[in-house]
Amino acid sequence: MTLENKIAQLFQMDEATWTHHANPWSVWTRNTVLPLLILAIWSRVWLGWWSLFLVAVALLWNWVNPRLFAKPETTSKVTDLNN
Protein backbone atom coordinates (compact mmCIF):
# COMPACT_ATOMS: atom_id res chain seq x y z
CA MET A 1 0.00 0.00 0.00
CA THR A 2 1.39 3.37 -0.99
CA LEU A 3 1.58 6.41 1.25
CA GLU A 4 -1.11 8.14 -0.83
CA ASN A 5 -3.51 5.24 -0.27
CA LYS A 6 -2.85 5.28 3.48
CA ILE A 7 -3.58 9.01 3.63
CA ALA A 8 -6.74 8.56 1.55
CA GLN A 9 -7.95 5.84 3.92
CA LEU A 10 -7.24 8.09 6.90
CA PHE A 11 -9.36 10.92 5.51
CA GLN A 12 -12.25 8.62 4.46
CA MET A 13 -13.47 10.94 1.72
CA ASP A 14 -16.56 9.38 0.13
CA GLU A 15 -18.79 11.00 -2.51
CA ALA A 16 -20.95 12.79 0.11
CA THR A 17 -17.88 14.24 1.81
CA TRP A 18 -16.48 15.47 -1.50
CA THR A 19 -19.82 17.14 -2.23
CA HIS A 20 -19.73 18.94 1.12
CA HIS A 21 -16.14 19.93 0.44
CA ALA A 22 -17.31 21.72 -2.74
CA ASN A 23 -18.98 24.33 -0.53
CA PRO A 24 -17.05 27.61 -0.90
CA TRP A 25 -16.94 28.05 2.89
CA SER A 26 -15.20 24.71 3.20
CA VAL A 27 -12.64 25.69 0.60
CA TRP A 28 -11.87 29.09 2.10
CA THR A 29 -11.70 27.93 5.72
CA ARG A 30 -9.51 24.99 4.74
CA ASN A 31 -6.84 27.54 3.82
CA THR A 32 -6.30 28.06 7.56
CA VAL A 33 -4.69 24.63 8.01
CA LEU A 34 -1.26 25.49 6.62
CA PRO A 35 -0.86 28.72 8.67
CA LEU A 36 -1.87 26.80 11.81
CA LEU A 37 0.73 24.13 11.12
CA ILE A 38 3.40 26.72 10.39
CA LEU A 39 2.54 28.60 13.59
CA ALA A 40 2.66 25.41 15.66
CA ILE A 41 6.03 24.36 14.27
CA TRP A 42 7.51 27.85 14.36
CA SER A 43 6.47 28.44 18.00
CA ARG A 44 7.63 25.06 19.31
CA VAL A 45 10.46 26.71 21.27
CA TRP A 46 8.03 28.97 23.14
CA LEU A 47 5.25 26.43 23.59
CA GLY A 48 7.31 23.30 24.11
CA TRP A 49 5.19 20.15 23.94
CA TRP A 50 2.03 22.28 23.61
CA SER A 51 3.01 22.88 20.01
CA LEU A 52 2.01 19.25 19.36
CA PHE A 53 -1.47 20.18 20.57
CA LEU A 54 -1.62 22.90 17.90
CA VAL A 55 -0.43 20.42 15.27
CA ALA A 56 -3.17 18.01 16.38
CA VAL A 57 -5.79 20.80 16.20
CA ALA A 58 -4.68 21.73 12.68
CA LEU A 59 -4.81 18.10 11.53
CA LEU A 60 -8.19 17.58 13.18
CA TRP A 61 -9.51 20.73 11.48
CA ASN A 62 -8.16 19.37 8.20
CA TRP A 63 -10.26 16.22 8.70
CA VAL A 64 -13.42 17.90 10.08
CA ASN A 65 -13.60 20.78 7.60
CA PRO A 66 -15.00 18.93 4.56
CA ARG A 67 -17.67 17.34 6.74
CA LEU A 68 -18.72 20.49 8.58
CA PHE A 69 -20.35 22.53 5.84
CA ALA A 70 -23.57 21.80 3.98
CA LYS A 71 -23.70 20.72 0.37
CA PRO A 72 -23.64 23.69 -2.00
CA GLU A 73 -26.86 24.57 -3.81
CA THR A 74 -25.05 24.20 -7.12
CA THR A 75 -21.58 23.39 -8.30
CA SER A 76 -21.92 25.10 -11.64
CA LYS A 77 -20.00 28.30 -12.22
CA VAL A 78 -22.13 31.43 -12.42
CA THR A 79 -21.05 33.33 -15.51
CA ASP A 80 -23.87 35.85 -16.00
CA LEU A 81 -25.73 37.29 -13.03
CA ASN A 82 -28.39 38.96 -15.21
CA ASN A 83 -30.01 35.69 -16.33
PDB file of N, CA and C in Angstrom:
ATOM      1  N   MET A   1       0.852  -1.184   0.000  1.00  0.00           N
ATOM      2  CA  MET A   1       0.000   0.000   0.000  1.00  0.00           C
ATOM      3  C   MET A   1       0.892   1.241   0.000  1.00  0.00           C
ATOM      4  N   THR A   2       0.586   2.162  -0.882  1.00  0.00           N
ATOM      5  CA  THR A   2       1.394   3.371  -0.991  1.00  0.00           C
ATOM      6  C   THR A   2       1.000   4.380   0.088  1.00  0.00           C
ATOM      7  N   LEU A   3       1.844   5.356   0.272  1.00  0.00           N
ATOM      8  CA  LEU A   3       1.577   6.411   1.248  1.00  0.00           C
ATOM      9  C   LEU A   3       0.305   7.176   0.897  1.00  0.00           C
ATOM     10  N   GLU A   4       0.093   7.422  -0.399  1.00  0.00           N
ATOM     11  CA  GLU A   4      -1.113   8.138  -0.833  1.00  0.00           C
ATOM     12  C   GLU A   4      -2.376   7.367  -0.469  1.00  0.00           C
ATOM     13  N   ASN A   5      -2.353   6.063  -0.629  1.00  0.00           N
ATOM     14  CA  ASN A   5      -3.510   5.238  -0.269  1.00  0.00           C
ATOM     15  C   ASN A   5      -3.764   5.248   1.230  1.00  0.00           C
ATOM     16  N   LYS A   6      -2.702   5.231   2.023  1.00  0.00           N
ATOM     17  CA  LYS A   6      -2.855   5.281   3.479  1.00  0.00           C
ATOM     18  C   LYS A   6      -3.479   6.609   3.914  1.00  0.00           C
ATOM     19  N   ILE A   7      -3.027   7.699   3.308  1.00  0.00           N
ATOM     20  CA  ILE A   7      -3.581   9.011   3.633  1.00  0.00           C
ATOM     21  C   ILE A   7      -5.043   9.086   3.203  1.00  0.00           C
ATOM     22  N   ALA A   8      -5.357   8.563   2.028  1.00  0.00           N
ATOM     23  CA  ALA A   8      -6.742   8.559   1.548  1.00  0.00           C
ATOM     24  C   ALA A   8      -7.639   7.756   2.484  1.00  0.00           C
ATOM     25  N   GLN A   9      -7.158   6.631   2.979  1.00  0.00           N
ATOM     26  CA  GLN A   9      -7.949   5.844   3.924  1.00  0.00           C
ATOM     27  C   GLN A   9      -8.150   6.595   5.228  1.00  0.00           C
ATOM     28  N   LEU A  10      -7.147   7.328   5.656  1.00  0.00           N
ATOM     29  CA  LEU A  10      -7.241   8.093   6.896  1.00  0.00           C
ATOM     30  C   LEU A  10      -8.311   9.180   6.808  1.00  0.00           C
ATOM     31  N   PHE A  11      -8.395   9.839   5.666  1.00  0.00           N
ATOM     32  CA  PHE A  11      -9.363  10.923   5.505  1.00  0.00           C
ATOM     33  C   PHE A  11     -10.778  10.424   5.214  1.00  0.00           C
ATOM     34  N   GLN A  12     -10.938   9.218   4.703  1.00  0.00           N
ATOM     35  CA  GLN A  12     -12.250   8.619   4.456  1.00  0.00           C
ATOM     36  C   GLN A  12     -13.168   9.554   3.671  1.00  0.00           C
ATOM     37  N   MET A  13     -12.704  10.013   2.541  1.00  0.00           N
ATOM     38  CA  MET A  13     -13.473  10.942   1.721  1.00  0.00           C
ATOM     39  C   MET A  13     -14.347  10.168   0.740  1.00  0.00           C
ATOM     40  N   ASP A  14     -15.637  10.027   1.047  1.00  0.00           N
ATOM     41  CA  ASP A  14     -16.560   9.384   0.126  1.00  0.00           C
ATOM     42  C   ASP A  14     -17.219  10.459  -0.742  1.00  0.00           C
ATOM     43  N   GLU A  15     -18.147  10.049  -1.597  1.00  0.00           N
ATOM     44  CA  GLU A  15     -18.794  11.004  -2.511  1.00  0.00           C
ATOM     45  C   GLU A  15     -19.521  12.118  -1.758  1.00  0.00           C
ATOM     46  N   ALA A  16     -20.213  11.779  -0.670  1.00  0.00           N
ATOM     47  CA  ALA A  16     -20.945  12.793   0.106  1.00  0.00           C
ATOM     48  C   ALA A  16     -19.984  13.808   0.715  1.00  0.00           C
ATOM     49  N   THR A  17     -18.862  13.336   1.218  1.00  0.00           N
ATOM     50  CA  THR A  17     -17.881  14.245   1.815  1.00  0.00           C
ATOM     51  C   THR A  17     -17.283  15.164   0.767  1.00  0.00           C
ATOM     52  N   TRP A  18     -17.009  14.629  -0.431  1.00  0.00           N
ATOM     53  CA  TRP A  18     -16.477  15.469  -1.505  1.00  0.00           C
ATOM     54  C   TRP A  18     -17.502  16.526  -1.907  1.00  0.00           C
ATOM     55  N   THR A  19     -18.776  16.170  -1.891  1.00  0.00           N
ATOM     56  CA  THR A  19     -19.819  17.141  -2.231  1.00  0.00           C
ATOM     57  C   THR A  19     -19.863  18.265  -1.204  1.00  0.00           C
ATOM     58  N   HIS A  20     -19.762  17.913   0.066  1.00  0.00           N
ATOM     59  CA  HIS A  20     -19.730  18.937   1.120  1.00  0.00           C
ATOM     60  C   HIS A  20     -18.492  19.816   0.980  1.00  0.00           C
ATOM     61  N   HIS A  21     -17.389  19.199   0.580  1.00  0.00           N
ATOM     62  CA  HIS A  21     -16.138  19.935   0.445  1.00  0.00           C
ATOM     63  C   HIS A  21     -16.187  20.928  -0.720  1.00  0.00           C
ATOM     64  N   ALA A  22     -17.153  20.777  -1.631  1.00  0.00           N
ATOM     65  CA  ALA A  22     -17.311  21.717  -2.737  1.00  0.00           C
ATOM     66  C   ALA A  22     -17.931  23.039  -2.290  1.00  0.00           C
ATOM     67  N   ASN A  23     -18.420  23.089  -1.066  1.00  0.00           N
ATOM     68  CA  ASN A  23     -18.977  24.326  -0.529  1.00  0.00           C
ATOM     69  C   ASN A  23     -17.864  25.378  -0.446  1.00  0.00           C
ATOM     70  N   PRO A  24     -18.104  26.587  -0.935  1.00  0.00           N
ATOM     71  CA  PRO A  24     -17.050  27.615  -0.897  1.00  0.00           C
ATOM     72  C   PRO A  24     -16.538  27.900   0.518  1.00  0.00           C
ATOM     73  N   TRP A  25     -17.397  27.827   1.518  1.00  0.00           N
ATOM     74  CA  TRP A  25     -16.944  28.053   2.886  1.00  0.00           C
ATOM     75  C   TRP A  25     -15.930  26.989   3.308  1.00  0.00           C
ATOM     76  N   SER A  26     -16.146  25.770   2.888  1.00  0.00           N
ATOM     77  CA  SER A  26     -15.197  24.707   3.202  1.00  0.00           C
ATOM     78  C   SER A  26     -13.851  24.979   2.549  1.00  0.00           C
ATOM     79  N   VAL A  27     -13.886  25.421   1.321  1.00  0.00           N
ATOM     80  CA  VAL A  27     -12.636  25.690   0.602  1.00  0.00           C
ATOM     81  C   VAL A  27     -11.877  26.833   1.260  1.00  0.00           C
ATOM     82  N   TRP A  28     -12.552  27.931   1.534  1.00  0.00           N
ATOM     83  CA  TRP A  28     -11.868  29.088   2.101  1.00  0.00           C
ATOM     84  C   TRP A  28     -11.357  28.835   3.509  1.00  0.00           C
ATOM     85  N   THR A  29     -12.155  28.169   4.345  1.00  0.00           N
ATOM     86  CA  THR A  29     -11.703  27.931   5.721  1.00  0.00           C
ATOM     87  C   THR A  29     -10.635  26.851   5.785  1.00  0.00           C
ATOM     88  N   ARG A  30     -10.560  25.998   4.770  1.00  0.00           N
ATOM     89  CA  ARG A  30      -9.509  24.985   4.742  1.00  0.00           C
ATOM     90  C   ARG A  30      -8.137  25.632   4.538  1.00  0.00           C
ATOM     91  N   ASN A  31      -8.111  26.833   3.998  1.00  0.00           N
ATOM     92  CA  ASN A  31      -6.843  27.545   3.823  1.00  0.00           C
ATOM     93  C   ASN A  31      -6.201  27.947   5.143  1.00  0.00           C
ATOM     94  N   THR A  32      -6.873  27.736   6.253  1.00  0.00           N
ATOM     95  CA  THR A  32      -6.299  28.059   7.560  1.00  0.00           C
ATOM     96  C   THR A  32      -5.405  26.947   8.095  1.00  0.00           C
ATOM     97  N   VAL A  33      -5.454  25.762   7.490  1.00  0.00           N
ATOM     98  CA  VAL A  33      -4.690  24.626   8.008  1.00  0.00           C
ATOM     99  C   VAL A  33      -3.186  24.879   7.924  1.00  0.00           C
ATOM    100  N   LEU A  34      -2.699  25.288   6.789  1.00  0.00           N
ATOM    101  CA  LEU A  34      -1.259  25.488   6.624  1.00  0.00           C
ATOM    102  C   LEU A  34      -0.712  26.574   7.567  1.00  0.00           C
ATOM    103  N   PRO A  35      -1.372  27.747   7.693  1.00  0.00           N
ATOM    104  CA  PRO A  35      -0.856  28.718   8.666  1.00  0.00           C
ATOM    105  C   PRO A  35      -0.848  28.187  10.102  1.00  0.00           C
ATOM    106  N   LEU A  36      -1.862  27.394  10.468  1.00  0.00           N
ATOM    107  CA  LEU A  36      -1.866  26.801  11.814  1.00  0.00           C
ATOM    108  C   LEU A  36      -0.690  25.856  12.015  1.00  0.00           C
ATOM    109  N   LEU A  37      -0.414  25.036  11.016  1.00  0.00           N
ATOM    110  CA  LEU A  37       0.733  24.125  11.116  1.00  0.00           C
ATOM    111  C   LEU A  37       2.048  24.896  11.195  1.00  0.00           C
ATOM    112  N   ILE A  38       2.176  25.918  10.374  1.00  0.00           N
ATOM    113  CA  ILE A  38       3.400  26.723  10.389  1.00  0.00           C
ATOM    114  C   ILE A  38       3.570  27.398  11.745  1.00  0.00           C
ATOM    115  N   LEU A  39       2.484  27.955  12.275  1.00  0.00           N
ATOM    116  CA  LEU A  39       2.545  28.600  13.590  1.00  0.00           C
ATOM    117  C   LEU A  39       2.930  27.609  14.679  1.00  0.00           C
ATOM    118  N   ALA A  40       2.349  26.419  14.644  1.00  0.00           N
ATOM    119  CA  ALA A  40       2.656  25.407  15.656  1.00  0.00           C
ATOM    120  C   ALA A  40       4.121  24.998  15.601  1.00  0.00           C
ATOM    121  N   ILE A  41       4.635  24.787  14.413  1.00  0.00           N
ATOM    122  CA  ILE A  41       6.027  24.359  14.272  1.00  0.00           C
ATOM    123  C   ILE A  41       6.985  25.498  14.591  1.00  0.00           C
ATOM    124  N   TRP A  42       6.649  26.700  14.133  1.00  0.00           N
ATOM    125  CA  TRP A  42       7.510  27.854  14.363  1.00  0.00           C
ATOM    126  C   TRP A  42       7.595  28.214  15.849  1.00  0.00           C
ATOM    127  N   SER A  43       6.498  28.045  16.585  1.00  0.00           N
ATOM    128  CA  SER A  43       6.467  28.444  17.996  1.00  0.00           C
ATOM    129  C   SER A  43       6.776  27.295  18.944  1.00  0.00           C
ATOM    130  N   ARG A  44       7.365  26.215  18.459  1.00  0.00           N
ATOM    131  CA  ARG A  44       7.628  25.059  19.305  1.00  0.00           C
ATOM    132  C   ARG A  44       8.596  25.380  20.436  1.00  0.00           C
ATOM    133  N   VAL A  45       9.501  26.342  20.222  1.00  0.00           N
ATOM    134  CA  VAL A  45      10.455  26.707  21.266  1.00  0.00           C
ATOM    135  C   VAL A  45       9.734  27.399  22.419  1.00  0.00           C
ATOM    136  N   TRP A  46       8.768  28.255  22.105  1.00  0.00           N
ATOM    137  CA  TRP A  46       8.026  28.968  23.136  1.00  0.00           C
ATOM    138  C   TRP A  46       7.015  28.071  23.838  1.00  0.00           C
ATOM    139  N   LEU A  47       6.339  27.244  23.050  1.00  0.00           N
ATOM    140  CA  LEU A  47       5.249  26.434  23.591  1.00  0.00           C
ATOM    141  C   LEU A  47       5.689  25.072  24.105  1.00  0.00           C
ATOM    142  N   GLY A  48       6.838  24.620  23.696  1.00  0.00           N
ATOM    143  CA  GLY A  48       7.305  23.298  24.109  1.00  0.00           C
ATOM    144  C   GLY A  48       6.398  22.222  23.532  1.00  0.00           C
ATOM    145  N   TRP A  49       6.036  21.272  24.376  1.00  0.00           N
ATOM    146  CA  TRP A  49       5.193  20.154  23.936  1.00  0.00           C
ATOM    147  C   TRP A  49       3.789  20.596  23.566  1.00  0.00           C
ATOM    148  N   TRP A  50       3.365  21.784  23.993  1.00  0.00           N
ATOM    149  CA  TRP A  50       2.033  22.279  23.609  1.00  0.00           C
ATOM    150  C   TRP A  50       1.933  22.547  22.112  1.00  0.00           C
ATOM    151  N   SER A  51       3.063  22.693  21.460  1.00  0.00           N
ATOM    152  CA  SER A  51       3.012  22.879  20.015  1.00  0.00           C
ATOM    153  C   SER A  51       2.433  21.638  19.335  1.00  0.00           C
ATOM    154  N   LEU A  52       2.617  20.469  19.913  1.00  0.00           N
ATOM    155  CA  LEU A  52       2.013  19.251  19.360  1.00  0.00           C
ATOM    156  C   LEU A  52       0.492  19.310  19.449  1.00  0.00           C
ATOM    157  N   PHE A  53      -0.015  19.987  20.462  1.00  0.00           N
ATOM    158  CA  PHE A  53      -1.468  20.182  20.569  1.00  0.00           C
ATOM    159  C   PHE A  53      -1.962  21.019  19.393  1.00  0.00           C
ATOM    160  N   LEU A  54      -1.241  22.079  19.042  1.00  0.00           N
ATOM    161  CA  LEU A  54      -1.624  22.897  17.897  1.00  0.00           C
ATOM    162  C   LEU A  54      -1.532  22.123  16.586  1.00  0.00           C
ATOM    163  N   VAL A  55      -0.541  21.271  16.457  1.00  0.00           N
ATOM    164  CA  VAL A  55      -0.434  20.419  15.270  1.00  0.00           C
ATOM    165  C   VAL A  55      -1.641  19.499  15.196  1.00  0.00           C
ATOM    166  N   ALA A  56      -2.007  18.899  16.339  1.00  0.00           N
ATOM    167  CA  ALA A  56      -3.173  18.008  16.378  1.00  0.00           C
ATOM    168  C   ALA A  56      -4.455  18.758  16.034  1.00  0.00           C
ATOM    169  N   VAL A  57      -4.604  19.986  16.513  1.00  0.00           N
ATOM    170  CA  VAL A  57      -5.785  20.796  16.202  1.00  0.00           C
ATOM    171  C   VAL A  57      -5.840  21.089  14.706  1.00  0.00           C
ATOM    172  N   ALA A  58      -4.715  21.438  14.117  1.00  0.00           N
ATOM    173  CA  ALA A  58      -4.678  21.729  12.677  1.00  0.00           C
ATOM    174  C   ALA A  58      -5.034  20.483  11.861  1.00  0.00           C
ATOM    175  N   LEU A  59      -4.501  19.332  12.252  1.00  0.00           N
ATOM    176  CA  LEU A  59      -4.813  18.097  11.530  1.00  0.00           C
ATOM    177  C   LEU A  59      -6.262  17.679  11.727  1.00  0.00           C
ATOM    178  N   LEU A  60      -6.785  17.880  12.928  1.00  0.00           N
ATOM    179  CA  LEU A  60      -8.193  17.578  13.178  1.00  0.00           C
ATOM    180  C   LEU A  60      -9.086  18.507  12.351  1.00  0.00           C
ATOM    181  N   TRP A  61      -8.749  19.772  12.291  1.00  0.00           N
ATOM    182  CA  TRP A  61      -9.509  20.726  11.477  1.00  0.00           C
ATOM    183  C   TRP A  61      -9.460  20.330  10.000  1.00  0.00           C
ATOM    184  N   ASN A  62      -8.311  19.829   9.572  1.00  0.00           N
ATOM    185  CA  ASN A  62      -8.161  19.369   8.200  1.00  0.00           C
ATOM    186  C   ASN A  62      -9.105  18.202   7.904  1.00  0.00           C
ATOM    187  N   TRP A  63      -9.360  17.361   8.884  1.00  0.00           N
ATOM    188  CA  TRP A  63     -10.263  16.220   8.698  1.00  0.00           C
ATOM    189  C   TRP A  63     -11.728  16.636   8.838  1.00  0.00           C
ATOM    190  N   VAL A  64     -12.041  17.515   9.784  1.00  0.00           N
ATOM    191  CA  VAL A  64     -13.423  17.903  10.078  1.00  0.00           C
ATOM    192  C   VAL A  64     -13.978  18.855   9.025  1.00  0.00           C
ATOM    193  N   ASN A  65     -13.154  19.716   8.500  1.00  0.00           N
ATOM    194  CA  ASN A  65     -13.603  20.781   7.605  1.00  0.00           C
ATOM    195  C   ASN A  65     -14.489  20.325   6.459  1.00  0.00           C
ATOM    196  N   PRO A  66     -14.129  19.312   5.681  1.00  0.00           N
ATOM    197  CA  PRO A  66     -15.000  18.933   4.556  1.00  0.00           C
ATOM    198  C   PRO A  66     -16.342  18.361   4.999  1.00  0.00           C
ATOM    199  N   ARG A  67     -16.438  17.934   6.227  1.00  0.00           N
ATOM    200  CA  ARG A  67     -17.669  17.338   6.738  1.00  0.00           C
ATOM    201  C   ARG A  67     -18.565  18.353   7.447  1.00  0.00           C
ATOM    202  N   LEU A  68     -18.025  19.507   7.760  1.00  0.00           N
ATOM    203  CA  LEU A  68     -18.722  20.489   8.583  1.00  0.00           C
ATOM    204  C   LEU A  68     -19.760  21.297   7.822  1.00  0.00           C
ATOM    205  N   PHE A  69     -19.494  21.623   6.600  1.00  0.00           N
ATOM    206  CA  PHE A  69     -20.346  22.529   5.840  1.00  0.00           C
ATOM    207  C   PHE A  69     -21.381  21.765   5.025  1.00  0.00           C
ATOM    208  N   ALA A  70     -22.489  22.416   4.748  1.00  0.00           N
ATOM    209  CA  ALA A  70     -23.572  21.802   3.976  1.00  0.00           C
ATOM    210  C   ALA A  70     -23.187  21.683   2.510  1.00  0.00           C
ATOM    211  N   LYS A  71     -23.914  20.836   1.809  1.00  0.00           N
ATOM    212  CA  LYS A  71     -23.702  20.716   0.368  1.00  0.00           C
ATOM    213  C   LYS A  71     -24.049  22.044  -0.294  1.00  0.00           C
ATOM    214  N   PRO A  72     -23.301  22.448  -1.308  1.00  0.00           N
ATOM    215  CA  PRO A  72     -23.641  23.692  -2.000  1.00  0.00           C
ATOM    216  C   PRO A  72     -24.922  23.519  -2.811  1.00  0.00           C
ATOM    217  N   GLU A  73     -25.624  24.618  -3.015  1.00  0.00           N
ATOM    218  CA  GLU A  73     -26.856  24.566  -3.808  1.00  0.00           C
ATOM    219  C   GLU A  73     -26.563  24.131  -5.236  1.00  0.00           C
ATOM    220  N   THR A  74     -25.453  24.587  -5.774  1.00  0.00           N
ATOM    221  CA  THR A  74     -25.051  24.203  -7.124  1.00  0.00           C
ATOM    222  C   THR A  74     -23.532  24.187  -7.192  1.00  0.00           C
ATOM    223  N   THR A  75     -23.031  23.402  -8.094  1.00  0.00           N
ATOM    224  CA  THR A  75     -21.583  23.390  -8.298  1.00  0.00           C
ATOM    225  C   THR A  75     -21.209  23.968  -9.653  1.00  0.00           C
ATOM    226  N   SER A  76     -22.216  24.485 -10.351  1.00  0.00           N
ATOM    227  CA  SER A  76     -21.916  25.098 -11.644  1.00  0.00           C
ATOM    228  C   SER A  76     -21.428  26.521 -11.436  1.00  0.00           C
ATOM    229  N   LYS A  77     -20.575  26.951 -12.311  1.00  0.00           N
ATOM    230  CA  LYS A  77     -19.998  28.296 -12.218  1.00  0.00           C
ATOM    231  C   LYS A  77     -21.018  29.307 -12.751  1.00  0.00           C
ATOM    232  N   VAL A  78     -21.229  30.364 -12.001  1.00  0.00           N
ATOM    233  CA  VAL A  78     -22.128  31.430 -12.419  1.00  0.00           C
ATOM    234  C   VAL A  78     -21.338  32.362 -13.326  1.00  0.00           C
ATOM    235  N   THR A  79     -21.785  32.490 -14.571  1.00  0.00           N
ATOM    236  CA  THR A  79     -21.051  33.334 -15.510  1.00  0.00           C
ATOM    237  C   THR A  79     -21.781  34.641 -15.808  1.00  0.00           C
ATOM    238  N   ASP A  80     -23.103  34.635 -15.702  1.00  0.00           N
ATOM    239  CA  ASP A  80     -23.874  35.845 -16.000  1.00  0.00           C
ATOM    240  C   ASP A  80     -24.929  36.014 -14.915  1.00  0.00           C
ATOM    241  N   LEU A  81     -24.799  37.074 -14.130  1.00  0.00           N
ATOM    242  CA  LEU A  81     -25.729  37.293 -13.028  1.00  0.00           C
ATOM    243  C   LEU A  81     -27.059  37.892 -13.487  1.00  0.00           C
ATOM    244  N   ASN A  82     -27.146  38.334 -14.727  1.00  0.00           N
ATOM    245  CA  ASN A  82     -28.392  38.957 -15.213  1.00  0.00           C
ATOM    246  C   ASN A  82     -29.427  37.944 -15.664  1.00  0.00           C
ATOM    247  N   ASN A  83     -29.051  36.720 -15.877  1.00  0.00           N
ATOM    248  CA  ASN A  83     -30.010  35.689 -16.331  1.00  0.00           C
ATOM    249  C   ASN A  83     -30.699  35.013 -15.195  1.00  0.00           C
TER     250      ASN A  83
END
